[in-house]
């Protein structure tokens, strides 16, 4: 018989095993970044990599629900984002004014905090301000990513609402991104002749960002954090992102590094 004192009571309708979510997200994130850095034409790596961001966003939502102090949580996210920016720039060859995903997650978290705190009506203007900032500053996943985090928070309480939100948002998200002709060597259906409006639907599905929907089964797994088993140290979660980008940066710029050291 399970000792109920060792199982955290659920506050959302989705997967609340945050360590599991982080580990899976890390795996798909590094696949995505390896694909972007070294195999840009292997789109299958990017498809698989689409799974990572929704999992990080869900982890942010569950973190916001369970944290004792959301502002300290936001401060940690900010610090990691600042530390990660040079690694992100050199690892992924982005300019200095293109911010990493922690900026996106931070704005989403601040939007959630404004909803929770509701100071001076911040539940209304806070999320709007977060989206406007994301529109003004270039960052990974842009304002869509910030909006995704906040709307996912709103849909958190039931499996049905999480699934409905993910399907609807991923259909929207796919529009305007890279369109795929084949996936794992198989042709992608572009339209169905007996569906007059089917082409409009498949125009979204064949685009790469739609495949973030693959994260949904993981988000809905009936798993809970347990206090009676080993857990992932907090520092691992916060250092993995800049560390793996630093490794990618070193590999990509190895010849330049050697040349510099040989002077």
C-alpha atoms as a PDB file:
ATOM      1  CA  UNK A   1       0.000   0.000   0.000  1.00  0.00           C
ATOM      2  CA  UNK A   2       1.310   3.459  -0.943  1.00  0.00           C
ATOM      3  CA  UNK A   3       2.095   5.822   1.911  1.00  0.00           C
ATOM      4  CA  UNK A   4      -0.002   8.865   1.014  1.00  0.00           C
ATOM      5  CA  UNK A   5       2.310  11.118   3.002  1.00  0.00           C
ATOM      6  CA  UNK A   6       5.018  10.529   0.397  1.00  0.00           C
ATOM      7  CA  UNK A   7       2.872  11.627  -2.554  1.00  0.00           C
ATOM      8  CA  UNK A   8       2.328  15.316  -3.304  1.00  0.00           C
ATOM      9  CA  UNK A   9      -1.339  16.146  -3.751  1.00  0.00           C
ATOM     10  CA  UNK A  10      -2.005  17.200  -7.361  1.00  0.00           C
ATOM     11  CA  UNK A  11      -2.748  20.840  -8.146  1.00  0.00           C
ATOM     12  CA  UNK A  12      -2.943  20.382 -11.906  1.00  0.00           C
ATOM     13  CA  UNK A  13      -4.465  17.857 -14.260  1.00  0.00           C
ATOM     14  CA  UNK A  14      -1.161  16.942 -15.897  1.00  0.00           C
ATOM     15  CA  UNK A  15       2.156  15.271 -15.177  1.00  0.00           C
ATOM     16  CA  UNK A  16       3.551  16.683 -11.930  1.00  0.00           C
ATOM     17  CA  UNK A  17       6.773  14.682 -11.798  1.00  0.00           C
ATOM     18  CA  UNK A  18       8.935  17.729 -12.423  1.00  0.00           C
ATOM     19  CA  UNK A  19      12.221  15.820 -12.366  1.00  0.00           C
ATOM     20  CA  UNK A  20      10.962  13.456 -15.071  1.00  0.00           C
ATOM     21  CA  UNK A  21       9.691  16.387 -17.141  1.00  0.00           C
ATOM     22  CA  UNK A  22      13.068  18.147 -16.871  1.00  0.00           C
ATOM     23  CA  UNK A  23      15.075  15.069 -17.873  1.00  0.00           C
ATOM     24  CA  UNK A  24      12.915  14.364 -20.914  1.00  0.00           C
ATOM     25  CA  UNK A  25      12.975  18.044 -21.901  1.00  0.00           C
ATOM     26  CA  UNK A  26      16.774  18.114 -21.596  1.00  0.00           C
ATOM     27  CA  UNK A  27      17.110  15.113 -23.915  1.00  0.00           C
ATOM     28  CA  UNK A  28      14.901  16.618 -26.627  1.00  0.00           C
ATOM     29  CA  UNK A  29      16.485  20.046 -26.215  1.00  0.00           C
ATOM     30  CA  UNK A  30      19.983  18.782 -26.884  1.00  0.00           C
ATOM     31  CA  UNK A  31      18.712  16.802 -29.894  1.00  0.00           C
ATOM     32  CA  UNK A  32      17.182  20.018 -31.215  1.00  0.00           C
ATOM     33  CA  UNK A  33      20.324  22.062 -30.628  1.00  0.00           C
ATOM     34  CA  UNK A  34      22.597  19.430 -32.153  1.00  0.00           C
ATOM     35  CA  UNK A  35      20.361  19.453 -35.198  1.00  0.00           C
ATOM     36  CA  UNK A  36      20.361  23.257 -35.417  1.00  0.00           C
ATOM     37  CA  UNK A  37      24.120  23.577 -34.874  1.00  0.00           C
ATOM     38  CA  UNK A  38      25.524  20.665 -36.873  1.00  0.00           C
ATOM     39  CA  UNK A  39      22.785  19.143 -39.044  1.00  0.00           C
ATOM     40  CA  UNK A  40      20.503  22.015 -40.118  1.00  0.00           C
ATOM     41  CA  UNK A  41      19.093  20.056 -43.076  1.00  0.00           C
ATOM     42  CA  UNK A  42      18.120  17.039 -40.973  1.00  0.00           C
ATOM     43  CA  UNK A  43      14.664  18.316 -40.136  1.00  0.00           C
ATOM     44  CA  UNK A  44      13.743  15.174 -38.218  1.00  0.00           C
ATOM     45  CA  UNK A  45      16.049  16.320 -35.412  1.00  0.00           C
ATOM     46  CA  UNK A  46      14.222  19.631 -35.281  1.00  0.00           C
ATOM     47  CA  UNK A  47      10.845  17.863 -35.280  1.00  0.00           C
ATOM     48  CA  UNK A  48      11.851  15.779 -32.280  1.00  0.00           C
ATOM     49  CA  UNK A  49      13.322  18.901 -30.720  1.00  0.00           C
ATOM     50  CA  UNK A  50       9.912  20.631 -30.846  1.00  0.00           C
ATOM     51  CA  UNK A  51       8.966  18.500 -27.842  1.00  0.00           C
ATOM     52  CA  UNK A  52      11.354  20.338 -25.517  1.00  0.00           C
ATOM     53  CA  UNK A  53       9.806  23.791 -25.188  1.00  0.00           C
ATOM     54  CA  UNK A  54       6.270  22.671 -24.235  1.00  0.00           C
ATOM     55  CA  UNK A  55       7.812  20.474 -21.534  1.00  0.00           C
ATOM     56  CA  UNK A  56       9.877  23.369 -20.177  1.00  0.00           C
ATOM     57  CA  UNK A  57       6.763  25.543 -20.287  1.00  0.00           C
ATOM     58  CA  UNK A  58       4.778  22.905 -18.409  1.00  0.00           C
ATOM     59  CA  UNK A  59       7.594  22.645 -15.879  1.00  0.00           C
ATOM     60  CA  UNK A  60       7.373  26.419 -15.445  1.00  0.00           C
ATOM     61  CA  UNK A  61       3.620  26.165 -14.882  1.00  0.00           C
ATOM     62  CA  UNK A  62       3.911  23.430 -12.245  1.00  0.00           C
ATOM     63  CA  UNK A  63       6.785  25.330 -10.654  1.00  0.00           C
ATOM     64  CA  UNK A  64       4.627  28.456 -10.451  1.00  0.00           C
ATOM     65  CA  UNK A  65       1.836  26.430  -8.850  1.00  0.00           C
ATOM     66  CA  UNK A  66       4.028  24.813  -6.197  1.00  0.00           C
ATOM     67  CA  UNK A  67       6.702  27.421  -5.466  1.00  0.00           C
ATOM     68  CA  UNK A  68       6.584  29.167  -2.101  1.00  0.00           C
ATOM     69  CA  UNK A  69       7.833  32.425  -3.561  1.00  0.00           C
ATOM     70  CA  UNK A  70       7.240  33.033  -7.253  1.00  0.00           C
ATOM     71  CA  UNK A  71       9.441  36.155  -7.273  1.00  0.00           C
ATOM     72  CA  UNK A  72      12.478  34.221  -6.042  1.00  0.00           C
ATOM     73  CA  UNK A  73      11.677  31.618  -8.657  1.00  0.00           C
ATOM     74  CA  UNK A  74      11.627  34.343 -11.305  1.00  0.00           C
ATOM     75  CA  UNK A  75      14.942  35.722 -10.026  1.00  0.00           C
ATOM     76  CA  UNK A  76      16.589  32.305 -10.449  1.00  0.00           C
ATOM     77  CA  UNK A  77      15.251  32.076 -13.989  1.00  0.00           C
ATOM     78  CA  UNK A  78      16.604  35.573 -14.731  1.00  0.00           C
ATOM     79  CA  UNK A  79      20.076  34.742 -13.389  1.00  0.00           C
ATOM     80  CA  UNK A  80      20.304  31.548 -15.436  1.00  0.00           C
ATOM     81  CA  UNK A  81      19.131  33.420 -18.518  1.00  0.00           C
ATOM     82  CA  UNK A  82      21.815  36.099 -18.112  1.00  0.00           C
ATOM     83  CA  UNK A  83      24.550  33.507 -17.542  1.00  0.00           C
ATOM     84  CA  UNK A  84      23.337  31.463 -20.525  1.00  0.00           C
ATOM     85  CA  UNK A  85      23.217  34.319 -23.033  1.00  0.00           C
ATOM     86  CA  UNK A  86      26.919  34.247 -24.104  1.00  0.00           C
ATOM     87  CA  UNK A  87      26.740  30.450 -24.438  1.00  0.00           C
ATOM     88  CA  UNK A  88      23.543  30.804 -26.482  1.00  0.00           C
ATOM     89  CA  UNK A  89      25.102  33.426 -28.751  1.00  0.00           C
ATOM     90  CA  UNK A  90      28.239  31.437 -29.547  1.00  0.00           C
ATOM     91  CA  UNK A  91      26.670  27.997 -29.419  1.00  0.00           C
ATOM     92  CA  UNK A  92      23.760  28.772 -31.747  1.00  0.00           C
ATOM     93  CA  UNK A  93      25.388  31.685 -33.649  1.00  0.00           C
ATOM     94  CA  UNK A  94      22.782  34.240 -32.628  1.00  0.00           C
ATOM     95  CA  UNK A  95      23.395  38.001 -32.250  1.00  0.00           C
ATOM     96  CA  UNK A  96      23.693  39.489 -28.769  1.00  0.00           C
ATOM     97  CA  UNK A  97      20.223  41.062 -28.962  1.00  0.00           C
ATOM     98  CA  UNK A  98      18.480  37.733 -29.639  1.00  0.00           C
ATOM     99  CA  UNK A  99      17.650  36.377 -26.186  1.00  0.00           C
ATOM    100  CA  UNK A 100      17.640  32.729 -25.138  1.00  0.00           C
ATOM    101  CA  UNK A 101      14.626  30.699 -24.085  1.00  0.00           C
ATOM    102  CA  UNK A 102      14.978  31.676 -20.429  1.00  0.00           C
ATOM    103  CA  UNK A 103      13.847  35.179 -21.388  1.00  0.00           C
ATOM    104  CA  UNK A 104      10.721  33.660 -22.911  1.00  0.00           C
ATOM    105  CA  UNK A 105      10.078  31.479 -19.865  1.00  0.00           C
ATOM    106  CA  UNK A 106      10.744  34.415 -17.535  1.00  0.00           C
ATOM    107  CA  UNK A 107       8.181  36.655 -19.235  1.00  0.00           C
ATOM    108  CA  UNK A 108       5.653  33.824 -19.142  1.00  0.00           C
ATOM    109  CA  UNK A 109       6.375  33.304 -15.446  1.00  0.00           C
ATOM    110  CA  UNK A 110       6.024  37.019 -14.706  1.00  0.00           C
ATOM    111  CA  UNK A 111       2.697  36.974 -16.515  1.00  0.00           C
ATOM    112  CA  UNK A 112       1.607  34.091 -14.283  1.00  0.00           C
ATOM    113  CA  UNK A 113       2.842  35.963 -11.200  1.00  0.00           C
ATOM    114  CA  UNK A 114       0.784  38.996 -12.166  1.00  0.00           C
ATOM    115  CA  UNK A 115      -2.283  36.772 -12.416  1.00  0.00           C
ATOM    116  CA  UNK A 116      -1.617  35.163  -9.034  1.00  0.00           C
ATOM    117  CA  UNK A 117      -0.815  38.399  -7.207  1.00  0.00           C
ATOM    118  CA  UNK A 118      -3.425  40.581  -8.948  1.00  0.00           C
ATOM    119  CA  UNK A 119      -2.036  43.848  -7.612  1.00  0.00           C
ATOM    120  CA  UNK A 120      -3.793  46.901  -9.053  1.00  0.00           C
ATOM    121  CA  UNK A 121      -5.606  44.683 -11.530  1.00  0.00           C
ATOM    122  CA  UNK A 122      -2.378  43.049 -12.740  1.00  0.00           C
ATOM    123  CA  UNK A 123      -4.226  39.885 -13.717  1.00  0.00           C
ATOM    124  CA  UNK A 124      -5.457  41.895 -16.710  1.00  0.00           C
ATOM    125  CA  UNK A 125      -2.572  44.127 -17.719  1.00  0.00           C
ATOM    126  CA  UNK A 126       0.329  41.872 -16.590  1.00  0.00           C
ATOM    127  CA  UNK A 127      -0.069  39.169 -19.265  1.00  0.00           C
ATOM    128  CA  UNK A 128      -0.649  41.827 -21.936  1.00  0.00           C
ATOM    129  CA  UNK A 129       2.521  43.644 -20.886  1.00  0.00           C
ATOM    130  CA  UNK A 130       4.502  40.382 -20.996  1.00  0.00           C
ATOM    131  CA  UNK A 131       3.378  39.744 -24.581  1.00  0.00           C
ATOM    132  CA  UNK A 132       4.140  43.335 -25.620  1.00  0.00           C
ATOM    133  CA  UNK A 133       7.680  43.083 -24.213  1.00  0.00           C
ATOM    134  CA  UNK A 134       8.161  39.842 -26.147  1.00  0.00           C
ATOM    135  CA  UNK A 135       7.031  41.667 -29.291  1.00  0.00           C
ATOM    136  CA  UNK A 136       9.558  44.441 -28.667  1.00  0.00           C
ATOM    137  CA  UNK A 137      12.565  42.222 -27.895  1.00  0.00           C
ATOM    138  CA  UNK A 138      13.766  39.336 -30.056  1.00  0.00           C
ATOM    139  CA  UNK A 139      13.875  36.040 -28.160  1.00  0.00           C
ATOM    140  CA  UNK A 140      13.563  32.313 -28.676  1.00  0.00           C
ATOM    141  CA  UNK A 141       9.948  31.398 -29.561  1.00  0.00           C
ATOM    142  CA  UNK A 142       8.978  35.062 -29.400  1.00  0.00           C
ATOM    143  CA  UNK A 143       5.658  36.335 -28.117  1.00  0.00           C
ATOM    144  CA  UNK A 144       4.037  33.015 -29.098  1.00  0.00           C
ATOM    145  CA  UNK A 145       6.226  31.255 -26.540  1.00  0.00           C
ATOM    146  CA  UNK A 146       5.318  33.747 -23.800  1.00  0.00           C
ATOM    147  CA  UNK A 147       1.640  33.450 -24.663  1.00  0.00           C
ATOM    148  CA  UNK A 148       1.969  29.660 -24.661  1.00  0.00           C
ATOM    149  CA  UNK A 149       3.297  29.596 -21.083  1.00  0.00           C
ATOM    150  CA  UNK A 150       0.533  31.832 -19.745  1.00  0.00           C
ATOM    151  CA  UNK A 151      -2.306  30.104 -21.586  1.00  0.00           C
ATOM    152  CA  UNK A 152      -0.979  26.716 -20.501  1.00  0.00           C
ATOM    153  CA  UNK A 153      -1.190  27.963 -16.923  1.00  0.00           C
ATOM    154  CA  UNK A 154      -4.825  28.841 -17.545  1.00  0.00           C
ATOM    155  CA  UNK A 155      -5.507  25.351 -18.910  1.00  0.00           C
ATOM    156  CA  UNK A 156      -3.594  23.506 -16.193  1.00  0.00           C
ATOM    157  CA  UNK A 157      -6.424  22.164 -14.071  1.00  0.00           C
ATOM    158  CA  UNK A 158      -7.712  19.302 -16.222  1.00  0.00           C
ATOM    159  CA  UNK A 159      -6.351  16.855 -18.770  1.00  0.00           C
ATOM    160  CA  UNK A 160      -9.114  17.773 -21.212  1.00  0.00           C
ATOM    161  CA  UNK A 161      -8.334  21.485 -21.074  1.00  0.00           C
ATOM    162  CA  UNK A 162      -4.576  20.857 -21.448  1.00  0.00           C
ATOM    163  CA  UNK A 163      -5.166  18.627 -24.470  1.00  0.00           C
ATOM    164  CA  UNK A 164      -7.636  21.052 -26.071  1.00  0.00           C
ATOM    165  CA  UNK A 165      -5.281  23.973 -25.567  1.00  0.00           C
ATOM    166  CA  UNK A 166      -2.278  22.094 -26.975  1.00  0.00           C
ATOM    167  CA  UNK A 167      -4.106  20.969 -30.109  1.00  0.00           C
ATOM    168  CA  UNK A 168      -5.519  24.429 -30.814  1.00  0.00           C
ATOM    169  CA  UNK A 169      -2.298  26.315 -30.069  1.00  0.00           C
ATOM    170  CA  UNK A 170      -0.061  23.946 -32.035  1.00  0.00           C
ATOM    171  CA  UNK A 171      -2.306  24.293 -35.086  1.00  0.00           C
ATOM    172  CA  UNK A 172      -1.928  28.068 -34.764  1.00  0.00           C
ATOM    173  CA  UNK A 173       1.770  27.799 -33.918  1.00  0.00           C
ATOM    174  CA  UNK A 174       2.554  25.847 -37.062  1.00  0.00           C
ATOM    175  CA  UNK A 175       1.356  28.593 -39.364  1.00  0.00           C
ATOM    176  CA  UNK A 176       4.212  30.393 -41.079  1.00  0.00           C
ATOM    177  CA  UNK A 177       7.019  28.067 -39.952  1.00  0.00           C
ATOM    178  CA  UNK A 178       9.124  25.702 -42.044  1.00  0.00           C
ATOM    179  CA  UNK A 179       6.917  23.529 -44.263  1.00  0.00           C
ATOM    180  CA  UNK A 180       7.891  19.865 -44.513  1.00  0.00           C
ATOM    181  CA  UNK A 181       7.657  17.616 -47.567  1.00  0.00           C
ATOM    182  CA  UNK A 182       8.947  14.436 -45.935  1.00  0.00           C
ATOM    183  CA  UNK A 183       9.374  13.166 -42.371  1.00  0.00           C
ATOM    184  CA  UNK A 184      11.753  10.286 -41.664  1.00  0.00           C
ATOM    185  CA  UNK A 185      11.844   9.581 -45.386  1.00  0.00           C
ATOM    186  CA  UNK A 186       8.065   9.360 -45.733  1.00  0.00           C
ATOM    187  CA  UNK A 187       6.038  11.900 -47.720  1.00  0.00           C
ATOM    188  CA  UNK A 188       3.867  14.212 -45.662  1.00  0.00           C
ATOM    189  CA  UNK A 189       0.219  14.489 -46.710  1.00  0.00           C
ATOM    190  CA  UNK A 190      -0.374  17.970 -48.061  1.00  0.00           C
ATOM    191  CA  UNK A 191      -4.118  17.710 -48.631  1.00  0.00           C
ATOM    192  CA  UNK A 192      -7.004  15.228 -48.854  1.00  0.00           C
ATOM    193  CA  UNK A 193      -9.036  15.438 -52.045  1.00  0.00           C
ATOM    194  CA  UNK A 194     -12.402  14.549 -50.499  1.00  0.00           C
ATOM    195  CA  UNK A 195     -12.097  17.304 -47.860  1.00  0.00           C
ATOM    196  CA  UNK A 196     -12.762  20.645 -49.591  1.00  0.00           C
ATOM    197  CA  UNK A 197     -11.212  22.607 -46.732  1.00  0.00           C
ATOM    198  CA  UNK A 198      -8.639  19.947 -45.861  1.00  0.00           C
ATOM    199  CA  UNK A 199      -5.807  21.836 -47.512  1.00  0.00           C
ATOM    200  CA  UNK A 200      -6.132  24.620 -44.942  1.00  0.00           C
ATOM    201  CA  UNK A 201      -5.819  22.126 -42.090  1.00  0.00           C
ATOM    202  CA  UNK A 202      -2.834  20.320 -43.568  1.00  0.00           C
ATOM    203  CA  UNK A 203      -1.161  23.651 -44.312  1.00  0.00           C
ATOM    204  CA  UNK A 204      -0.723  23.912 -40.534  1.00  0.00           C
ATOM    205  CA  UNK A 205       0.096  20.277 -39.819  1.00  0.00           C
ATOM    206  CA  UNK A 206       2.907  20.004 -42.369  1.00  0.00           C
ATOM    207  CA  UNK A 207       4.785  22.909 -40.776  1.00  0.00           C
ATOM    208  CA  UNK A 208       7.497  22.119 -38.286  1.00  0.00           C
ATOM    209  CA  UNK A 209       6.317  23.969 -35.174  1.00  0.00           C
ATOM    210  CA  UNK A 210       3.024  22.050 -35.160  1.00  0.00           C
ATOM    211  CA  UNK A 211       4.969  19.003 -34.025  1.00  0.00           C
ATOM    212  CA  UNK A 212       5.291  20.475 -30.553  1.00  0.00           C
ATOM    213  CA  UNK A 213       2.039  18.534 -30.118  1.00  0.00           C
ATOM    214  CA  UNK A 214       4.224  15.446 -29.574  1.00  0.00           C
ATOM    215  CA  UNK A 215       4.902  16.730 -26.053  1.00  0.00           C
ATOM    216  CA  UNK A 216       1.251  16.308 -25.087  1.00  0.00           C
ATOM    217  CA  UNK A 217       1.339  12.589 -24.120  1.00  0.00           C
ATOM    218  CA  UNK A 218       4.270  13.265 -21.787  1.00  0.00           C
ATOM    219  CA  UNK A 219       2.477  16.230 -20.231  1.00  0.00           C
ATOM    220  CA  UNK A 220      -0.593  14.098 -19.534  1.00  0.00           C
ATOM    221  CA  UNK A 221       1.133  11.103 -17.962  1.00  0.00           C
ATOM    222  CA  UNK A 222      -0.436  10.415 -14.535  1.00  0.00           C
ATOM    223  CA  UNK A 223       2.801  10.944 -12.611  1.00  0.00           C
ATOM    224  CA  UNK A 224       3.398  12.797  -9.357  1.00  0.00           C
ATOM    225  CA  UNK A 225       6.523  13.970  -7.550  1.00  0.00           C
ATOM    226  CA  UNK A 226       7.386  11.692  -4.655  1.00  0.00           C
ATOM    227  CA  UNK A 227       9.443  12.508  -1.596  1.00  0.00           C
ATOM    228  CA  UNK A 228      10.511   8.905  -0.997  1.00  0.00           C
ATOM    229  CA  UNK A 229      12.825   8.558  -3.996  1.00  0.00           C
ATOM    230  CA  UNK A 230      15.936  10.306  -5.345  1.00  0.00           C
ATOM    231  CA  UNK A 231      15.267  13.657  -6.936  1.00  0.00           C
ATOM    232  CA  UNK A 232      17.077  15.796  -9.474  1.00  0.00           C
ATOM    233  CA  UNK A 233      19.181  18.446  -7.677  1.00  0.00           C
ATOM    234  CA  UNK A 234      17.999  21.974  -8.442  1.00  0.00           C
ATOM    235  CA  UNK A 235      21.452  23.042  -9.600  1.00  0.00           C
ATOM    236  CA  UNK A 236      21.415  20.381 -12.341  1.00  0.00           C
ATOM    237  CA  UNK A 237      18.267  21.857 -13.832  1.00  0.00           C
ATOM    238  CA  UNK A 238      19.712  25.357 -13.858  1.00  0.00           C
ATOM    239  CA  UNK A 239      23.226  24.530 -15.098  1.00  0.00           C
ATOM    240  CA  UNK A 240      22.394  22.040 -17.844  1.00  0.00           C
ATOM    241  CA  UNK A 241      21.199  24.702 -20.293  1.00  0.00           C
ATOM    242  CA  UNK A 242      24.277  26.968 -20.300  1.00  0.00           C
ATOM    243  CA  UNK A 243      26.645  24.003 -19.970  1.00  0.00           C
ATOM    244  CA  UNK A 244      25.432  22.110 -23.025  1.00  0.00           C
ATOM    245  CA  UNK A 245      25.425  25.339 -25.063  1.00  0.00           C
ATOM    246  CA  UNK A 246      28.982  26.034 -23.961  1.00  0.00           C
ATOM    247  CA  UNK A 247      30.016  22.563 -25.163  1.00  0.00           C
ATOM    248  CA  UNK A 248      28.330  23.152 -28.527  1.00  0.00           C
ATOM    249  CA  UNK A 249      30.033  26.561 -28.777  1.00  0.00           C
ATOM    250  CA  UNK A 250      33.451  25.026 -28.110  1.00  0.00           C
ATOM    251  CA  UNK A 251      32.908  22.349 -30.755  1.00  0.00           C
ATOM    252  CA  UNK A 252      31.646  24.837 -33.340  1.00  0.00           C
ATOM    253  CA  UNK A 253      34.460  27.324 -32.734  1.00  0.00           C
ATOM    254  CA  UNK A 254      37.237  24.875 -31.912  1.00  0.00           C
ATOM    255  CA  UNK A 255      39.445  25.952 -34.824  1.00  0.00           C
ATOM    256  CA  UNK A 256      39.130  29.590 -33.782  1.00  0.00           C
ATOM    257  CA  UNK A 257      39.912  28.725 -30.174  1.00  0.00           C
ATOM    258  CA  UNK A 258      43.029  26.783 -31.173  1.00  0.00           C
ATOM    259  CA  UNK A 259      44.168  29.611 -33.449  1.00  0.00           C
ATOM    260  CA  UNK A 260      43.702  32.142 -30.652  1.00  0.00           C
ATOM    261  CA  UNK A 261      45.599  30.027 -28.131  1.00  0.00           C
ATOM    262  CA  UNK A 262      48.428  29.453 -30.610  1.00  0.00           C
ATOM    263  CA  UNK A 263      49.263  33.138 -30.954  1.00  0.00           C
END
